[in-house]
PDB file of all heavy atoms in Angstrom:
ATOM      1  N   SER A   1      92.931 168.578  65.524  1.00  0.00           N
ATOM      2  CA  SER A   1      92.921 167.221  66.082  1.00  0.00           C
ATOM      3  C   SER A   1      94.052 167.031  67.085  1.00  0.00           C
ATOM      4  O   SER A   1      93.895 166.340  68.097  1.00  0.00           O
ATOM      5  CB  SER A   1      93.016 166.176  64.961  1.00  0.00           C
ATOM      6  OG  SER A   1      94.136 166.418  64.132  1.00  0.00           O
ATOM      7  N   GLY A   2      95.213 167.672  66.825  1.00  0.00           N
ATOM      8  CA  GLY A   2      96.324 167.559  67.765  1.00  0.00           C
ATOM      9  C   GLY A   2      96.034 168.190  69.112  1.00  0.00           C
ATOM     10  O   GLY A   2      96.539 167.743  70.143  1.00  0.00           O
ATOM     11  N   SER A   3      95.216 169.242  69.108  1.00  0.00           N
ATOM     12  CA  SER A   3      94.907 169.939  70.363  1.00  0.00           C
ATOM     13  C   SER A   3      93.635 169.428  71.027  1.00  0.00           C
ATOM     14  O   SER A   3      93.357 169.798  72.176  1.00  0.00           O
ATOM     15  CB  SER A   3      94.753 171.444  70.098  1.00  0.00           C
ATOM     16  OG  SER A   3      93.607 171.706  69.302  1.00  0.00           O
ATOM     17  N   TYR A   4      92.872 168.583  70.357  1.00  0.00           N
ATOM     18  CA  TYR A   4      91.516 168.257  70.814  1.00  0.00           C
ATOM     19  C   TYR A   4      91.488 167.713  72.241  1.00  0.00           C
ATOM     20  O   TYR A   4      90.674 168.136  73.066  1.00  0.00           O
ATOM     21  CB  TYR A   4      90.858 167.260  69.852  1.00  0.00           C
ATOM     22  CG  TYR A   4      89.381 167.086  70.099  1.00  0.00           C
ATOM     23  CD1 TYR A   4      88.487 168.114  69.829  1.00  0.00           C
ATOM     24  CD2 TYR A   4      88.867 165.905  70.625  1.00  0.00           C
ATOM     25  CE1 TYR A   4      87.124 167.976  70.061  1.00  0.00           C
ATOM     26  CE2 TYR A   4      87.512 165.750  70.862  1.00  0.00           C
ATOM     27  CZ  TYR A   4      86.646 166.782  70.581  1.00  0.00           C
ATOM     28  OH  TYR A   4      85.301 166.633  70.824  1.00  0.00           O
ATOM     29  N   LEU A   5      92.355 166.779  72.560  1.00  0.00           N
ATOM     30  CA  LEU A   5      92.383 166.202  73.907  1.00  0.00           C
ATOM     31  C   LEU A   5      93.602 166.640  74.706  1.00  0.00           C
ATOM     32  O   LEU A   5      93.743 166.252  75.869  1.00  0.00           O
ATOM     33  CB  LEU A   5      92.333 164.672  73.839  1.00  0.00           C
ATOM     34  CG  LEU A   5      91.070 164.055  73.235  1.00  0.00           C
ATOM     35  CD1 LEU A   5      91.134 162.535  73.300  1.00  0.00           C
ATOM     36  CD2 LEU A   5      89.822 164.568  73.929  1.00  0.00           C
ATOM     37  N   THR A   6      94.490 167.419  74.082  1.00  0.00           N
ATOM     38  CA  THR A   6      95.695 167.863  74.787  1.00  0.00           C
ATOM     39  C   THR A   6      95.593 169.301  75.268  1.00  0.00           C
ATOM     40  O   THR A   6      96.248 169.674  76.247  1.00  0.00           O
ATOM     41  CB  THR A   6      96.929 167.755  73.883  1.00  0.00           C
ATOM     42  OG1 THR A   6      96.793 168.663  72.780  1.00  0.00           O
ATOM     43  CG2 THR A   6      97.098 166.329  73.349  1.00  0.00           C
ATOM     44  N   GLY A   7      94.807 170.133  74.554  1.00  0.00           N
ATOM     45  CA  GLY A   7      94.721 171.544  74.894  1.00  0.00           C
ATOM     46  C   GLY A   7      96.007 172.297  74.624  1.00  0.00           C
ATOM     47  O   GLY A   7      96.223 173.388  75.150  1.00  0.00           O
ATOM     48  N   ILE A   8      96.865 171.726  73.770  1.00  0.00           N
ATOM     49  CA  ILE A   8      98.185 172.286  73.500  1.00  0.00           C
ATOM     50  C   ILE A   8      98.272 172.751  72.046  1.00  0.00           C
ATOM     51  O   ILE A   8      97.724 172.112  71.148  1.00  0.00           O
ATOM     52  CB  ILE A   8      99.278 171.214  73.751  1.00  0.00           C
ATOM     53  CG1 ILE A   8      99.296 170.822  75.223  1.00  0.00           C
ATOM     54  CG2 ILE A   8     100.652 171.702  73.316  1.00  0.00           C
ATOM     55  CD1 ILE A   8      99.694 171.920  76.177  1.00  0.00           C
ATOM     56  N   GLN A   9      98.966 173.844  71.805  1.00  0.00           N
ATOM     57  CA  GLN A   9      99.278 174.233  70.439  1.00  0.00           C
ATOM     58  C   GLN A   9     100.418 173.338  69.958  1.00  0.00           C
ATOM     59  O   GLN A   9     101.547 173.440  70.436  1.00  0.00           O
ATOM     60  CB  GLN A   9      99.705 175.701  70.347  1.00  0.00           C
ATOM     61  CG  GLN A   9      99.993 176.147  68.917  1.00  0.00           C
ATOM     62  CD  GLN A   9     100.476 177.579  68.832  1.00  0.00           C
ATOM     63  OE1 GLN A   9     100.759 178.209  69.841  1.00  0.00           O
ATOM     64  NE2 GLN A   9     100.572 178.101  67.624  1.00  0.00           N
ATOM     65  N   VAL A  10     100.099 172.440  69.031  1.00  0.00           N
ATOM     66  CA  VAL A  10     101.097 171.464  68.590  1.00  0.00           C
ATOM     67  C   VAL A  10     102.162 172.151  67.744  1.00  0.00           C
ATOM     68  O   VAL A  10     101.918 173.182  67.100  1.00  0.00           O
ATOM     69  CB  VAL A  10     100.444 170.308  67.807  1.00  0.00           C
ATOM     70  CG1 VAL A  10      99.453 169.570  68.695  1.00  0.00           C
ATOM     71  CG2 VAL A  10      99.762 170.808  66.532  1.00  0.00           C
ATOM     72  N   LYS A  11     103.342 171.569  67.741  1.00  0.00           N
ATOM     73  CA  LYS A  11     104.465 172.115  66.986  1.00  0.00           C
ATOM     74  C   LYS A  11     104.278 171.848  65.497  1.00  0.00           C
ATOM     75  O   LYS A  11     104.000 170.723  65.096  1.00  0.00           O
ATOM     76  CB  LYS A  11     105.765 171.483  67.469  1.00  0.00           C
ATOM     77  CG  LYS A  11     107.011 172.026  66.776  1.00  0.00           C
ATOM     78  CD  LYS A  11     108.267 171.371  67.328  1.00  0.00           C
ATOM     79  CE  LYS A  11     109.520 171.903  66.654  1.00  0.00           C
ATOM     80  NZ  LYS A  11     110.741 171.257  67.191  1.00  0.00           N
ATOM     81  N   LYS A  12     104.433 172.883  64.694  1.00  0.00           N
ATOM     82  CA  LYS A  12     104.296 172.727  63.247  1.00  0.00           C
ATOM     83  C   LYS A  12     105.569 172.100  62.697  1.00  0.00           C
ATOM     84  O   LYS A  12     106.598 172.770  62.546  1.00  0.00           O
ATOM     85  CB  LYS A  12     104.025 174.073  62.568  1.00  0.00           C
ATOM     86  CG  LYS A  12     103.653 173.933  61.092  1.00  0.00           C
ATOM     87  CD  LYS A  12     103.132 175.228  60.514  1.00  0.00           C
ATOM     88  CE  LYS A  12     102.590 175.015  59.106  1.00  0.00           C
ATOM     89  NZ  LYS A  12     101.982 176.240  58.546  1.00  0.00           N
ATOM     90  N   THR A  13     105.474 170.819  62.414  1.00  0.00           N
ATOM     91  CA  THR A  13     106.629 170.067  61.970  1.00  0.00           C
ATOM     92  C   THR A  13     106.180 168.760  61.348  1.00  0.00           C
ATOM     93  O   THR A  13     105.070 168.293  61.602  1.00  0.00           O
ATOM     94  CB  THR A  13     107.578 169.763  63.149  1.00  0.00           C
ATOM     95  OG1 THR A  13     108.705 169.022  62.683  1.00  0.00           O
ATOM     96  CG2 THR A  13     106.868 168.934  64.215  1.00  0.00           C
ATOM     97  N   MET A  14     107.052 168.163  60.557  1.00  0.00           N
ATOM     98  CA  MET A  14     106.806 166.827  60.027  1.00  0.00           C
ATOM     99  C   MET A  14     107.776 165.808  60.613  1.00  0.00           C
ATOM    100  O   MET A  14     107.704 164.622  60.293  1.00  0.00           O
ATOM    101  CB  MET A  14     106.913 166.828  58.499  1.00  0.00           C
ATOM    102  CG  MET A  14     105.831 167.601  57.800  1.00  0.00           C
ATOM    103  SD  MET A  14     105.956 167.471  56.003  1.00  0.00           S
ATOM    104  CE  MET A  14     107.429 168.461  55.704  1.00  0.00           C
ATOM    105  N   VAL A  15     108.687 166.276  61.460  1.00  0.00           N
ATOM    106  CA  VAL A  15     109.750 165.390  61.960  1.00  0.00           C
ATOM    107  C   VAL A  15     109.728 165.301  63.480  1.00  0.00           C
ATOM    108  O   VAL A  15     109.367 164.270  64.055  1.00  0.00           O
ATOM    109  CB  VAL A  15     111.135 165.873  61.468  1.00  0.00           C
ATOM    110  CG1 VAL A  15     112.218 164.906  61.948  1.00  0.00           C
ATOM    111  CG2 VAL A  15     111.157 165.986  59.950  1.00  0.00           C
ATOM    112  N   ASP A  16     110.109 166.384  64.158  1.00  0.00           N
ATOM    113  CA  ASP A  16     110.216 166.359  65.617  1.00  0.00           C
ATOM    114  C   ASP A  16     108.902 166.796  66.244  1.00  0.00           C
ATOM    115  O   ASP A  16     108.761 167.907  66.758  1.00  0.00           O
ATOM    116  CB  ASP A  16     111.375 167.230  66.096  1.00  0.00           C
ATOM    117  CG  ASP A  16     111.318 168.640  65.521  1.00  0.00           C
ATOM    118  OD1 ASP A  16     110.710 168.816  64.440  1.00  0.00           O
ATOM    119  OD2 ASP A  16     111.875 169.566  66.146  1.00  0.00           O
ATOM    120  N   ILE A  17     107.917 165.920  66.177  1.00  0.00           N
ATOM    121  CA  ILE A  17     106.566 166.235  66.627  1.00  0.00           C
ATOM    122  C   ILE A  17     106.538 166.550  68.122  1.00  0.00           C
ATOM    123  O   ILE A  17     107.323 166.032  68.903  1.00  0.00           O
ATOM    124  CB  ILE A  17     105.592 165.082  66.315  1.00  0.00           C
ATOM    125  CG1 ILE A  17     106.043 163.785  66.998  1.00  0.00           C
ATOM    126  CG2 ILE A  17     105.442 164.884  64.814  1.00  0.00           C
ATOM    127  CD1 ILE A  17     105.057 162.644  66.866  1.00  0.00           C
ATOM    128  N   LYS A  18     105.593 167.425  68.503  1.00  0.00           N
ATOM    129  CA  LYS A  18     105.436 167.761  69.911  1.00  0.00           C
ATOM    130  C   LYS A  18     104.018 168.250  70.161  1.00  0.00           C
ATOM    131  O   LYS A  18     103.568 169.206  69.551  1.00  0.00           O
ATOM    132  CB  LYS A  18     106.442 168.837  70.330  1.00  0.00           C
ATOM    133  CG  LYS A  18     106.396 169.149  71.821  1.00  0.00           C
ATOM    134  CD  LYS A  18     107.453 170.168  72.206  1.00  0.00           C
ATOM    135  CE  LYS A  18     107.418 170.473  73.695  1.00  0.00           C
ATOM    136  NZ  LYS A  18     108.425 171.492  74.081  1.00  0.00           N
ATOM    137  N   ALA A  19     103.318 167.558  71.043  1.00  0.00           N
ATOM    138  CA  ALA A  19     101.976 167.958  71.464  1.00  0.00           C
ATOM    139  C   ALA A  19     101.979 168.018  72.989  1.00  0.00           C
ATOM    140  O   ALA A  19     102.754 168.758  73.580  1.00  0.00           O
ATOM    141  CB  ALA A  19     100.927 166.990  70.922  1.00  0.00           C
ATOM    142  N   GLY A  20     101.134 167.243  73.622  1.00  0.00           N
ATOM    143  CA  GLY A  20     101.093 167.181  75.078  1.00  0.00           C
ATOM    144  C   GLY A  20     100.377 165.910  75.489  1.00  0.00           C
ATOM    145  O   GLY A  20      99.766 165.226  74.659  1.00  0.00           O
ATOM    146  N   VAL A  21     100.436 165.565  76.758  1.00  0.00           N
ATOM    147  CA  VAL A  21      99.722 164.381  77.246  1.00  0.00           C
ATOM    148  C   VAL A  21      98.225 164.666  77.172  1.00  0.00           C
ATOM    149  O   VAL A  21      97.745 165.679  77.678  1.00  0.00           O
ATOM    150  CB  VAL A  21     100.136 164.033  78.683  1.00  0.00           C
ATOM    151  CG1 VAL A  21      99.393 162.783  79.166  1.00  0.00           C
ATOM    152  CG2 VAL A  21     101.644 163.825  78.775  1.00  0.00           C
ATOM    153  N   SER A  22      97.485 163.789  76.524  1.00  0.00           N
ATOM    154  CA  SER A  22      96.039 163.993  76.355  1.00  0.00           C
ATOM    155  C   SER A  22      95.298 163.607  77.625  1.00  0.00           C
ATOM    156  O   SER A  22      95.765 162.793  78.427  1.00  0.00           O
ATOM    157  CB  SER A  22      95.524 163.198  75.156  1.00  0.00           C
ATOM    158  OG  SER A  22      95.904 161.834  75.233  1.00  0.00           O
ATOM    159  N   CYS A  23      94.120 164.200  77.820  1.00  0.00           N
ATOM    160  CA  CYS A  23      93.372 163.991  79.062  1.00  0.00           C
ATOM    161  C   CYS A  23      92.988 162.526  79.259  1.00  0.00           C
ATOM    162  O   CYS A  23      92.949 162.033  80.391  1.00  0.00           O
ATOM    163  CB  CYS A  23      92.147 164.894  79.104  1.00  0.00           C
ATOM    164  SG  CYS A  23      90.931 164.611  77.810  1.00  0.00           S
ATOM    165  N   ASP A  24      92.707 161.808  78.153  1.00  0.00           N
ATOM    166  CA  ASP A  24      92.371 160.384  78.291  1.00  0.00           C
ATOM    167  C   ASP A  24      93.537 159.603  78.869  1.00  0.00           C
ATOM    168  O   ASP A  24      93.337 158.678  79.677  1.00  0.00           O
ATOM    169  CB  ASP A  24      91.970 159.798  76.931  1.00  0.00           C
ATOM    170  CG  ASP A  24      93.107 159.873  75.931  1.00  0.00           C
ATOM    171  OD1 ASP A  24      93.509 160.998  75.567  1.00  0.00           O
ATOM    172  OD2 ASP A  24      93.616 158.814  75.513  1.00  0.00           O
ATOM    173  N   GLN A  25      94.764 159.979  78.491  1.00  0.00           N
ATOM    174  CA  GLN A  25      95.929 159.250  78.984  1.00  0.00           C
ATOM    175  C   GLN A  25      96.270 159.625  80.422  1.00  0.00           C
ATOM    176  O   GLN A  25      96.841 158.814  81.159  1.00  0.00           O
ATOM    177  CB  GLN A  25      97.122 159.496  78.065  1.00  0.00           C
ATOM    178  CG  GLN A  25      96.995 158.813  76.725  1.00  0.00           C
ATOM    179  CD  GLN A  25      96.728 157.318  76.866  1.00  0.00           C
ATOM    180  OE1 GLN A  25      97.537 156.586  77.428  1.00  0.00           O
ATOM    181  NE2 GLN A  25      95.576 156.868  76.361  1.00  0.00           N
ATOM    182  N   ILE A  26      95.923 160.819  80.829  1.00  0.00           N
ATOM    183  CA  ILE A  26      96.077 161.183  82.246  1.00  0.00           C
ATOM    184  C   ILE A  26      95.167 160.297  83.090  1.00  0.00           C
ATOM    185  O   ILE A  26      95.574 159.768  84.135  1.00  0.00           O
ATOM    186  CB  ILE A  26      95.760 162.673  82.452  1.00  0.00           C
ATOM    187  CG1 ILE A  26      96.810 163.534  81.745  1.00  0.00           C
ATOM    188  CG2 ILE A  26      95.700 163.011  83.942  1.00  0.00           C
ATOM    189  CD1 ILE A  26      96.498 165.020  81.753  1.00  0.00           C
ATOM    190  N   VAL A  27      93.940 160.102  82.613  1.00  0.00           N
ATOM    191  CA  VAL A  27      93.006 159.216  83.328  1.00  0.00           C
ATOM    192  C   VAL A  27      93.505 157.772  83.278  1.00  0.00           C
ATOM    193  O   VAL A  27      93.465 157.058  84.287  1.00  0.00           O
ATOM    194  CB  VAL A  27      91.596 159.326  82.715  1.00  0.00           C
ATOM    195  CG1 VAL A  27      90.670 158.281  83.323  1.00  0.00           C
ATOM    196  CG2 VAL A  27      91.026 160.717  82.920  1.00  0.00           C
ATOM    197  N   ALA A  28      93.971 157.333  82.102  1.00  0.00           N
ATOM    198  CA  ALA A  28      94.453 155.957  81.958  1.00  0.00           C
ATOM    199  C   ALA A  28      95.609 155.674  82.919  1.00  0.00           C
ATOM    200  O   ALA A  28      95.690 154.604  83.530  1.00  0.00           O
ATOM    201  CB  ALA A  28      94.880 155.706  80.515  1.00  0.00           C
ATOM    202  N   LYS A  29      96.507 156.641  83.063  1.00  0.00           N
ATOM    203  CA  LYS A  29      97.630 156.453  83.994  1.00  0.00           C
ATOM    204  C   LYS A  29      97.142 156.388  85.429  1.00  0.00           C
ATOM    205  O   LYS A  29      97.644 155.602  86.242  1.00  0.00           O
ATOM    206  CB  LYS A  29      98.632 157.596  83.821  1.00  0.00           C
ATOM    207  CG  LYS A  29      99.875 157.441  84.687  1.00  0.00           C
ATOM    208  CD  LYS A  29     100.870 158.556  84.430  1.00  0.00           C
ATOM    209  CE  LYS A  29     102.119 158.384  85.305  1.00  0.00           C
ATOM    210  NZ  LYS A  29     103.113 159.459  85.073  1.00  0.00           N
ATOM    211  N   HIS A  30      96.148 157.196  85.751  1.00  0.00           N
ATOM    212  CA  HIS A  30      95.608 157.201  87.115  1.00  0.00           C
ATOM    213  C   HIS A  30      94.957 155.868  87.465  1.00  0.00           C
ATOM    214  O   HIS A  30      95.111 155.355  88.570  1.00  0.00           O
ATOM    215  CB  HIS A  30      94.587 158.326  87.258  1.00  0.00           C
ATOM    216  CG  HIS A  30      93.819 158.291  88.543  1.00  0.00           C
ATOM    217  ND1 HIS A  30      94.356 158.684  89.742  1.00  0.00           N
ATOM    218  CD2 HIS A  30      92.537 157.884  88.807  1.00  0.00           C
ATOM    219  CE1 HIS A  30      93.456 158.528  90.703  1.00  0.00           C
ATOM    220  NE2 HIS A  30      92.348 158.049  90.161  1.00  0.00           N
ATOM    221  N   LEU A  31      94.220 155.298  86.506  1.00  0.00           N
ATOM    222  CA  LEU A  31      93.548 154.032  86.770  1.00  0.00           C
ATOM    223  C   LEU A  31      94.532 152.879  86.858  1.00  0.00           C
ATOM    224  O   LEU A  31      94.250 151.845  87.464  1.00  0.00           O
ATOM    225  CB  LEU A  31      92.511 153.755  85.678  1.00  0.00           C
ATOM    226  CG  LEU A  31      91.330 154.724  85.639  1.00  0.00           C
ATOM    227  CD1 LEU A  31      90.426 154.437  84.451  1.00  0.00           C
ATOM    228  CD2 LEU A  31      90.533 154.661  86.932  1.00  0.00           C
ATOM    229  N   GLY A  32      95.697 153.069  86.213  1.00  0.00           N
ATOM    230  CA  GLY A  32      96.781 152.113  86.343  1.00  0.00           C
ATOM    231  C   GLY A  32      96.398 150.686  86.036  1.00  0.00           C
ATOM    232  O   GLY A  32      95.943 150.368  84.942  1.00  0.00           O
ATOM    233  N   GLU A  33      96.557 149.847  87.010  1.00  0.00           N
ATOM    234  CA  GLU A  33      96.372 148.410  86.810  1.00  0.00           C
ATOM    235  C   GLU A  33      94.976 147.921  87.179  1.00  0.00           C
ATOM    236  O   GLU A  33      94.765 146.723  87.369  1.00  0.00           O
ATOM    237  CB  GLU A  33      97.425 147.647  87.611  1.00  0.00           C
ATOM    238  CG  GLU A  33      98.856 147.960  87.175  1.00  0.00           C
ATOM    239  CD  GLU A  33      99.886 147.195  87.975  1.00  0.00           C
ATOM    240  OE1 GLU A  33      99.477 146.499  88.940  1.00  0.00           O
ATOM    241  OE2 GLU A  33     101.082 147.294  87.655  1.00  0.00           O
ATOM    242  N   GLN A  34      94.032 148.825  87.280  1.00  0.00           N
ATOM    243  CA  GLN A  34      92.681 148.395  87.637  1.00  0.00           C
ATOM    244  C   GLN A  34      92.005 147.633  86.510  1.00  0.00           C
ATOM    245  O   GLN A  34      91.032 146.910  86.736  1.00  0.00           O
ATOM    246  CB  GLN A  34      91.831 149.608  88.024  1.00  0.00           C
ATOM    247  CG  GLN A  34      92.295 150.291  89.306  1.00  0.00           C
ATOM    248  CD  GLN A  34      91.369 151.415  89.719  1.00  0.00           C
ATOM    249  OE1 GLN A  34      90.149 151.290  89.653  1.00  0.00           O
ATOM    250  NE2 GLN A  34      91.942 152.527  90.153  1.00  0.00           N
ATOM    251  N   THR A  35      92.487 147.823  85.275  1.00  0.00           N
ATOM    252  CA  THR A  35      91.928 147.112  84.130  1.00  0.00           C
ATOM    253  C   THR A  35      93.057 146.484  83.323  1.00  0.00           C
ATOM    254  O   THR A  35      94.225 146.859  83.454  1.00  0.00           O
ATOM    255  CB  THR A  35      91.130 148.058  83.222  1.00  0.00           C
ATOM    256  OG1 THR A  35      91.978 149.133  82.805  1.00  0.00           O
ATOM    257  CG2 THR A  35      89.919 148.634  83.939  1.00  0.00           C
ATOM    258  N   ARG A  36      92.696 145.535  82.475  1.00  0.00           N
ATOM    259  CA  ARG A  36      93.703 144.848  81.656  1.00  0.00           C
ATOM    260  C   ARG A  36      94.394 145.832  80.711  1.00  0.00           C
ATOM    261  O   ARG A  36      95.600 145.760  80.489  1.00  0.00           O
ATOM    262  CB  ARG A  36      93.043 143.716  80.868  1.00  0.00           C
ATOM    263  CG  ARG A  36      94.015 142.894  80.035  1.00  0.00           C
ATOM    264  CD  ARG A  36      93.306 141.757  79.328  1.00  0.00           C
ATOM    265  NE  ARG A  36      94.205 141.046  78.430  1.00  0.00           N
ATOM    266  CZ  ARG A  36      93.815 140.126  77.556  1.00  0.00           C
ATOM    267  NH1 ARG A  36      92.532 139.797  77.484  1.00  0.00           N
ATOM    268  NH2 ARG A  36      94.689 139.530  76.771  1.00  0.00           N
ATOM    269  N   PHE A  37      93.615 146.736  80.125  1.00  0.00           N
ATOM    270  CA  PHE A  37      94.165 147.749  79.229  1.00  0.00           C
ATOM    271  C   PHE A  37      93.911 149.129  79.838  1.00  0.00           C
ATOM    272  O   PHE A  37      92.750 149.489  80.074  1.00  0.00           O
ATOM    273  CB  PHE A  37      93.502 147.681  77.853  1.00  0.00           C
ATOM    274  CG  PHE A  37      93.571 146.321  77.204  1.00  0.00           C
ATOM    275  CD1 PHE A  37      92.441 145.521  77.122  1.00  0.00           C
ATOM    276  CD2 PHE A  37      94.763 145.841  76.690  1.00  0.00           C
ATOM    277  CE1 PHE A  37      92.490 144.269  76.536  1.00  0.00           C
ATOM    278  CE2 PHE A  37      94.831 144.590  76.108  1.00  0.00           C
ATOM    279  CZ  PHE A  37      93.697 143.795  76.030  1.00  0.00           C
ATOM    280  N   PRO A  38      94.951 149.911  80.086  1.00  0.00           N
ATOM    281  CA  PRO A  38      94.720 151.261  80.604  1.00  0.00           C
ATOM    282  C   PRO A  38      93.808 152.079  79.697  1.00  0.00           C
ATOM    283  O   PRO A  38      92.998 152.878  80.173  1.00  0.00           O
ATOM    284  CB  PRO A  38      96.133 151.861  80.655  1.00  0.00           C
ATOM    285  CG  PRO A  38      97.037 150.675  80.784  1.00  0.00           C
ATOM    286  CD  PRO A  38      96.383 149.590  79.977  1.00  0.00           C
TER     287      PRO A  38
END
């Protein structure tokens, strides 16, 4: 689930989590202020 939209091997940890920016959020940032909710 951690890699599903990020394509990243997530860090095995319970504290200092690390994944990657997910593809949906890359699109959301690109659309910016075109909608009320990115």
